[in-house]
Amino acid sequence: MRRLKSVLFLALSLLLLTTVMLYFLQEKLIFIPTKLSENHTFSFQQPFTEFFLEATDGARLNALHFYTDEPRGLILYFHGNAGDLSRWGEIVSPFTSFGYDVVIMDYRGYGKSTGKRSEKALYNDAQLFYDWALEHFEEDEILVYGRSLGASIATHLTSNNNPSKLILETPFYSLMDVAEDRFGFLPLKTILNYKMNSFEFMQRVKCPVYIFHGTIDQVVSHASGKKLFESIPHDKKRMFSIENGTHNDLGEFDAYWKGIESILD
């Protein structure tokens, strides 16, 4: 009996320690930014300009605008949870080949962007860039694109606006859904500060929705993306399941680019 009590005490202690660690480290687990110096010079093959927008709390948000001569519209792109614009610029610039301008921002604490990060702040910053887009394009010319973590931000933004299309790459049903895949044994509802309930935002999305997801994604499961797809309350939707695709390699598959072409063309 004494040995059993010792084992139970050890198990509970480990559970408590893991819970406390996850609570204090969740920001570092969710967001993996890299920083750039203020005088960093971007270099890409496609023509672009760099600009900043300032949030109401004084945060300074860095962005890139890849442009074409006669744009058919604008893709407002929200990137994943790691890296900065020096990496993401390379990823998004090929979209200009379809005749669209592309604008991509760095979140607070990423690259040259400043400011204290929170879920509400991320959504407000996305709206700030959408308002900028409305100053340069008609709303029916704006497409919102979100990848991974950015897919939740993009869905929230679209739920409060009326862009022509919403494109999501490797999205999750909710951040809780992703966390439960890894830490389902912990009291996540109590300790998780970021909710990012994409399925709730999706109920207010009126435009066509397109989802791309790899079938063997081990970061955000295909099942999570599928569940989000099934939550869309209208039939203006399509899901592209990329066979053998993982979380970061969909751009290496012809099926992905054929899907993108069918949407943009």
Foldseek 3Di string as FASTA:
>chain_A
DVVVVVVVVVVVVVQVVVLVCCLVCVVCVQAAADEADPPDDADDPADKDKDWDADPVGKIKIKIKGADDQAQAEEEEEEGRYYACSVVVHVPNVVCVLRYIYMYIGDDPHYHIHDDDAPVVLLRVSVVVVVVRVVPDPQQRYEYEYEEVRLLSSLLNQLVDPHQEYEYELYFQWVVVQVCVPPVVHPCVVRPRGTSRSLVSLASHDHAYEYEYECPAPRHHPVRVVVSQVSRPDDSYDYHYHYRDYRPCPVVDPSSVVVVSVVSD
